[in-house]
Amino acid sequence: MEIYGAVGPRSGDYTVQVDGGDSFTFNGTKSALVPQTLLYQDNDLGSGTHAVKISNSPFTGQTLSIDYAIAYGPSSTK
C-alpha cells in the first residue's frame, strides 16, 4: 500500500495507523510545495481487508493533503 499527497510549507506532522496498531508520526513540512509525494508505504500487509487511519496534527494554518492511494493485491510466484 502506498499513500501519496502534498508536502510543503503549509504541511505539518501527521500520523498513520494501520489495522489499529501503533501510530507512526511523519513530518510533511518542506520549503516548497511538492504534490504527489509518497507519504506512507507498507509492504508487509497480508491479504484481506485493512483499515488505515491518517490524521494531521495541525498548528494554525497547517494542512494535510492526500492525492491518492495504491493498494496492491497478493503477488504470485512462478
Protein backbone atom coordinates (compact mmCIF):
# COMPACT_ATOMS: atom_id res chain seq x y z
CA MET A 1 0.00 0.00 0.00
CA GLU A 2 1.21 3.47 -0.84
CA ILE A 3 -0.33 6.82 0.09
CA TYR A 4 0.61 9.96 -1.81
CA GLY A 5 -0.09 13.59 -1.01
CA ALA A 6 1.30 17.08 -0.98
CA VAL A 7 4.12 18.26 1.27
CA GLY A 8 5.23 21.86 1.62
CA PRO A 9 5.50 24.92 3.83
CA ARG A 10 1.83 24.69 4.94
CA SER A 11 2.09 20.98 5.81
CA GLY A 12 2.90 19.68 9.26
CA ASP A 13 3.05 16.50 11.30
CA TYR A 14 0.67 13.64 10.51
CA THR A 15 0.18 10.16 11.93
CA VAL A 16 -0.59 6.89 10.17
CA GLN A 17 -2.15 3.88 11.88
CA VAL A 18 -2.87 0.56 10.14
CA ASP A 19 -5.35 -2.01 11.48
CA GLY A 20 -5.47 -0.40 14.94
CA GLY A 21 -1.74 -0.95 15.51
CA ASP A 22 0.90 1.53 16.55
CA SER A 23 0.70 5.06 15.17
CA PHE A 24 3.71 6.43 13.31
CA THR A 25 4.35 10.18 13.05
CA PHE A 26 5.80 11.86 9.97
CA ASN A 27 6.55 15.47 9.09
CA GLY A 28 5.30 16.89 5.79
CA THR A 29 6.91 20.32 6.19
CA LYS A 30 9.16 21.19 3.24
CA SER A 31 10.42 24.51 1.88
CA ALA A 32 8.43 24.19 -1.39
CA LEU A 33 5.09 22.62 -2.30
CA VAL A 34 5.56 19.15 -3.81
CA PRO A 35 2.34 17.30 -4.72
CA GLN A 36 2.08 13.54 -5.21
CA THR A 37 4.85 12.76 -2.71
CA LEU A 38 4.98 9.32 -1.08
CA LEU A 39 3.64 9.93 2.45
CA TYR A 40 3.45 6.33 3.66
CA GLN A 41 4.27 2.84 2.39
CA ASP A 42 3.60 -0.59 3.90
CA ASN A 43 4.79 -3.67 2.03
CA ASP A 44 4.02 -6.16 4.81
CA LEU A 45 0.23 -6.27 4.72
CA GLY A 46 -1.29 -9.69 4.34
CA SER A 47 -4.30 -10.44 2.18
CA GLY A 48 -7.73 -9.35 3.38
CA THR A 49 -9.35 -6.11 4.46
CA HIS A 50 -7.28 -3.43 6.17
CA ALA A 51 -8.09 -0.12 7.84
CA VAL A 52 -5.80 2.89 7.50
CA LYS A 53 -6.23 6.00 9.65
CA ILE A 54 -4.36 9.17 8.71
CA SER A 55 -4.58 12.20 11.00
CA ASN A 56 -2.92 15.56 10.86
CA SER A 57 -1.58 17.31 13.93
CA PRO A 58 -2.09 20.86 12.75
CA PHE A 59 -0.84 24.10 14.07
CA THR A 60 -2.65 27.19 12.84
CA GLY A 61 -2.81 27.13 9.04
CA GLN A 62 -1.22 23.70 8.53
CA THR A 63 -2.91 21.17 6.26
CA LEU A 64 -2.76 17.52 5.25
CA SER A 65 -3.50 16.81 1.59
CA ILE A 66 -3.99 13.29 0.26
CA ASP A 67 -3.72 12.90 -3.53
CA TYR A 68 -4.27 9.15 -3.94
CA ALA A 69 -3.53 5.69 -2.57
CA ILE A 70 -2.47 2.46 -4.24
CA ALA A 71 -3.41 -0.90 -2.78
CA TYR A 72 -1.59 -3.92 -4.20
CA GLY A 73 -3.14 -7.38 -4.32
CA PRO A 74 -1.34 -10.58 -3.44
CA SER A 75 1.67 -11.30 -5.61
CA SER A 76 2.19 -14.62 -7.29
CA THR A 77 5.39 -16.52 -7.93
CA LYS A 78 6.19 -18.67 -10.93
